[in-house]
Amino acid sequence: MIAKQVARAGVVVLALTFIFSGCSQPLSTREKGTLAGGGLGAATGAIIGAAVGAPGAGAAIGGALGAGAGALVGDQFQGQENRQLDQQRQVEEQNREIQRQREELERLKSKPNRNEDEY
């Protein structure tokens, strides 16, 4: 009986995973964390709930807590990714500016100096 309830909770989590993975846009890091946390929380909650005779309630509570925790962790990772992307853009912009300045220096070096011609 308990094994059937745990199996049902697993099937529900698997079905939700397939439903959310079929979205038209890829999931963000925050959404992936929420989904993973919710799935792990629901499965853990169902197992613990089955031990005390309430697997459905355990899955619901565990899923909610897991989704919340997963969202927090995913949000932190999302913020870190955003900061890394911003730093990468700044580095690329600085490299373009360095290249522009090098080209300008080469242009100035190859240009005849008028002061030298006068003497």
C-alpha atoms as a PDB file:
ATOM      1  CA  MET A   1       0.000   0.000   0.000  1.00  0.00           C
ATOM      2  CA  ILE A   2       2.728   2.454   0.975  1.00  0.00           C
ATOM      3  CA  ALA A   3       4.811   1.483  -2.040  1.00  0.00           C
ATOM      4  CA  LYS A   4       1.852   2.245  -4.345  1.00  0.00           C
ATOM      5  CA  GLN A   5       1.430   5.704  -2.846  1.00  0.00           C
ATOM      6  CA  VAL A   6       5.116   6.465  -3.170  1.00  0.00           C
ATOM      7  CA  ALA A   7       5.013   5.209  -6.752  1.00  0.00           C
ATOM      8  CA  ARG A   8       1.998   7.465  -7.480  1.00  0.00           C
ATOM      9  CA  ALA A   9       3.832  10.469  -6.056  1.00  0.00           C
ATOM     10  CA  GLY A  10       6.832   9.613  -8.228  1.00  0.00           C
ATOM     11  CA  VAL A  11       4.621   9.334 -11.313  1.00  0.00           C
ATOM     12  CA  VAL A  12       3.060  12.731 -10.541  1.00  0.00           C
ATOM     13  CA  VAL A  13       6.492  14.327 -10.151  1.00  0.00           C
ATOM     14  CA  LEU A  14       7.680  12.678 -13.381  1.00  0.00           C
ATOM     15  CA  ALA A  15       4.554  13.857 -15.220  1.00  0.00           C
ATOM     16  CA  LEU A  16       5.076  17.412 -13.989  1.00  0.00           C
ATOM     17  CA  THR A  17       8.681  17.238 -15.110  1.00  0.00           C
ATOM     18  CA  PHE A  18       7.617  16.266 -18.621  1.00  0.00           C
ATOM     19  CA  ILE A  19       4.931  18.953 -18.685  1.00  0.00           C
ATOM     20  CA  PHE A  20       7.313  21.714 -17.635  1.00  0.00           C
ATOM     21  CA  SER A  21      10.124  20.499 -19.863  1.00  0.00           C
ATOM     22  CA  GLY A  22       7.837  20.908 -22.870  1.00  0.00           C
ATOM     23  CA  CYS A  23       7.714  24.687 -22.508  1.00  0.00           C
ATOM     24  CA  SER A  24       8.550  26.724 -25.600  1.00  0.00           C
ATOM     25  CA  GLN A  25      11.403  28.562 -23.884  1.00  0.00           C
ATOM     26  CA  PRO A  26      14.234  26.907 -22.004  1.00  0.00           C
ATOM     27  CA  LEU A  27      13.900  27.025 -18.250  1.00  0.00           C
ATOM     28  CA  SER A  28      15.955  29.573 -16.388  1.00  0.00           C
ATOM     29  CA  THR A  29      18.317  28.493 -13.657  1.00  0.00           C
ATOM     30  CA  ARG A  30      15.818  29.727 -11.069  1.00  0.00           C
ATOM     31  CA  GLU A  31      13.010  27.661 -12.626  1.00  0.00           C
ATOM     32  CA  LYS A  32      15.204  24.576 -12.838  1.00  0.00           C
ATOM     33  CA  GLY A  33      16.060  24.952  -9.140  1.00  0.00           C
ATOM     34  CA  THR A  34      12.384  25.327  -8.244  1.00  0.00           C
ATOM     35  CA  LEU A  35      11.398  22.276 -10.257  1.00  0.00           C
ATOM     36  CA  ALA A  36      14.219  20.114  -8.915  1.00  0.00           C
ATOM     37  CA  GLY A  37      13.607  21.226  -5.330  1.00  0.00           C
ATOM     38  CA  GLY A  38       9.880  20.605  -5.654  1.00  0.00           C
ATOM     39  CA  GLY A  39      10.422  17.140  -7.096  1.00  0.00           C
ATOM     40  CA  LEU A  40      12.955  16.127  -4.486  1.00  0.00           C
ATOM     41  CA  GLY A  41      10.852  17.640  -1.705  1.00  0.00           C
ATOM     42  CA  ALA A  42       7.712  15.854  -2.880  1.00  0.00           C
ATOM     43  CA  ALA A  43       9.477  12.518  -3.125  1.00  0.00           C
ATOM     44  CA  THR A  44      11.107  12.930   0.276  1.00  0.00           C
ATOM     45  CA  GLY A  45       7.848  14.150   1.786  1.00  0.00           C
ATOM     46  CA  ALA A  46       5.966  11.178   0.354  1.00  0.00           C
ATOM     47  CA  ILE A  47       8.483   8.738   1.820  1.00  0.00           C
ATOM     48  CA  ILE A  48       8.421  10.394   5.231  1.00  0.00           C
ATOM     49  CA  GLY A  49       4.650  10.800   5.070  1.00  0.00           C
ATOM     50  CA  ALA A  50       4.240   7.132   4.211  1.00  0.00           C
ATOM     51  CA  ALA A  51       6.121   6.252   7.368  1.00  0.00           C
ATOM     52  CA  VAL A  52       3.576   8.143   9.464  1.00  0.00           C
ATOM     53  CA  GLY A  53       0.533   7.207   7.398  1.00  0.00           C
ATOM     54  CA  ALA A  54      -0.006  10.369   5.326  1.00  0.00           C
ATOM     55  CA  PRO A  55       2.042  10.171   2.117  1.00  0.00           C
ATOM     56  CA  GLY A  56      -0.158  12.644   0.229  1.00  0.00           C
ATOM     57  CA  ALA A  57       0.178  15.312   2.881  1.00  0.00           C
ATOM     58  CA  GLY A  58       3.889  14.592   3.184  1.00  0.00           C
ATOM     59  CA  ALA A  59       4.343  14.932  -0.581  1.00  0.00           C
ATOM     60  CA  ALA A  60       2.413  18.210  -0.648  1.00  0.00           C
ATOM     61  CA  ILE A  61       4.303  19.727   2.265  1.00  0.00           C
ATOM     62  CA  GLY A  62       7.654  18.395   1.058  1.00  0.00           C
ATOM     63  CA  GLY A  63       6.986  19.607  -2.473  1.00  0.00           C
ATOM     64  CA  ALA A  64       6.135  23.109  -1.298  1.00  0.00           C
ATOM     65  CA  LEU A  65       9.142  23.334   0.992  1.00  0.00           C
ATOM     66  CA  GLY A  66      11.432  21.824  -1.628  1.00  0.00           C
ATOM     67  CA  ALA A  67      10.171  24.207  -4.319  1.00  0.00           C
ATOM     68  CA  GLY A  68      10.792  27.169  -2.026  1.00  0.00           C
ATOM     69  CA  ALA A  69      14.293  26.022  -1.176  1.00  0.00           C
ATOM     70  CA  GLY A  70      15.020  25.177  -4.802  1.00  0.00           C
ATOM     71  CA  ALA A  71      13.829  28.610  -5.896  1.00  0.00           C
ATOM     72  CA  LEU A  72      16.163  30.304  -3.416  1.00  0.00           C
ATOM     73  CA  VAL A  73      19.149  28.251  -4.536  1.00  0.00           C
ATOM     74  CA  GLY A  74      18.241  28.683  -8.206  1.00  0.00           C
ATOM     75  CA  ASP A  75      17.902  32.436  -7.708  1.00  0.00           C
ATOM     76  CA  GLN A  76      21.412  32.609  -6.266  1.00  0.00           C
ATOM     77  CA  PHE A  77      22.813  30.658  -9.212  1.00  0.00           C
ATOM     78  CA  GLN A  78      20.847  32.854 -11.639  1.00  0.00           C
ATOM     79  CA  GLY A  79      22.331  35.978 -10.052  1.00  0.00           C
ATOM     80  CA  GLN A  80      25.824  34.532 -10.294  1.00  0.00           C
ATOM     81  CA  GLU A  81      25.318  33.697 -13.978  1.00  0.00           C
ATOM     82  CA  ASN A  82      24.047  37.231 -14.647  1.00  0.00           C
ATOM     83  CA  ARG A  83      27.092  38.749 -12.944  1.00  0.00           C
ATOM     84  CA  GLN A  84      29.429  36.511 -14.953  1.00  0.00           C
ATOM     85  CA  LEU A  85      27.719  37.490 -18.214  1.00  0.00           C
ATOM     86  CA  ASP A  86      27.989  41.159 -17.306  1.00  0.00           C
ATOM     87  CA  GLN A  87      31.691  40.791 -16.515  1.00  0.00           C
ATOM     88  CA  GLN A  88      32.245  38.948 -19.794  1.00  0.00           C
ATOM     89  CA  ARG A  89      30.555  41.779 -21.721  1.00  0.00           C
ATOM     90  CA  GLN A  90      32.772  44.322 -19.966  1.00  0.00           C
ATOM     91  CA  VAL A  91      35.914  42.340 -20.784  1.00  0.00           C
ATOM     92  CA  GLU A  92      34.898  42.090 -24.445  1.00  0.00           C
ATOM     93  CA  GLU A  93      34.172  45.807 -24.575  1.00  0.00           C
ATOM     94  CA  GLN A  94      37.569  46.593 -23.039  1.00  0.00           C
ATOM     95  CA  ASN A  95      39.296  44.277 -25.519  1.00  0.00           C
ATOM     96  CA  ARG A  96      37.604  46.096 -28.411  1.00  0.00           C
ATOM     97  CA  GLU A  97      38.777  49.432 -27.008  1.00  0.00           C
ATOM     98  CA  ILE A  98      42.342  48.124 -26.590  1.00  0.00           C
ATOM     99  CA  GLN A  99      42.320  46.883 -30.196  1.00  0.00           C
ATOM    100  CA  ARG A 100      41.006  50.250 -31.409  1.00  0.00           C
ATOM    101  CA  GLN A 101      43.781  52.059 -29.537  1.00  0.00           C
ATOM    102  CA  ARG A 102      46.441  49.727 -30.953  1.00  0.00           C
ATOM    103  CA  GLU A 103      45.215  50.414 -34.464  1.00  0.00           C
ATOM    104  CA  GLU A 104      45.275  54.146 -33.770  1.00  0.00           C
ATOM    105  CA  LEU A 105      48.858  53.893 -32.477  1.00  0.00           C
ATOM    106  CA  GLU A 106      49.937  51.984 -35.592  1.00  0.00           C
ATOM    107  CA  ARG A 107      48.256  54.594 -37.776  1.00  0.00           C
ATOM    108  CA  LEU A 108      50.062  57.395 -35.946  1.00  0.00           C
ATOM    109  CA  LYS A 109      53.411  55.590 -36.188  1.00  0.00           C
ATOM    110  CA  SER A 110      53.098  55.123 -39.929  1.00  0.00           C
ATOM    111  CA  LYS A 111      52.037  58.744 -40.534  1.00  0.00           C
ATOM    112  CA  PRO A 112      55.009  60.988 -41.479  1.00  0.00           C
ATOM    113  CA  ASN A 113      55.994  63.434 -38.776  1.00  0.00           C
ATOM    114  CA  ARG A 114      55.854  67.011 -40.078  1.00  0.00           C
ATOM    115  CA  ASN A 115      58.325  68.305 -37.523  1.00  0.00           C
ATOM    116  CA  GLU A 116      61.062  65.987 -38.797  1.00  0.00           C
ATOM    117  CA  ASP A 117      60.503  67.085 -42.404  1.00  0.00           C
ATOM    118  CA  GLU A 118      61.017  70.755 -41.565  1.00  0.00           C
ATOM    119  CA  TYR A 119      64.577  70.348 -40.290  1.00  0.00           C
END
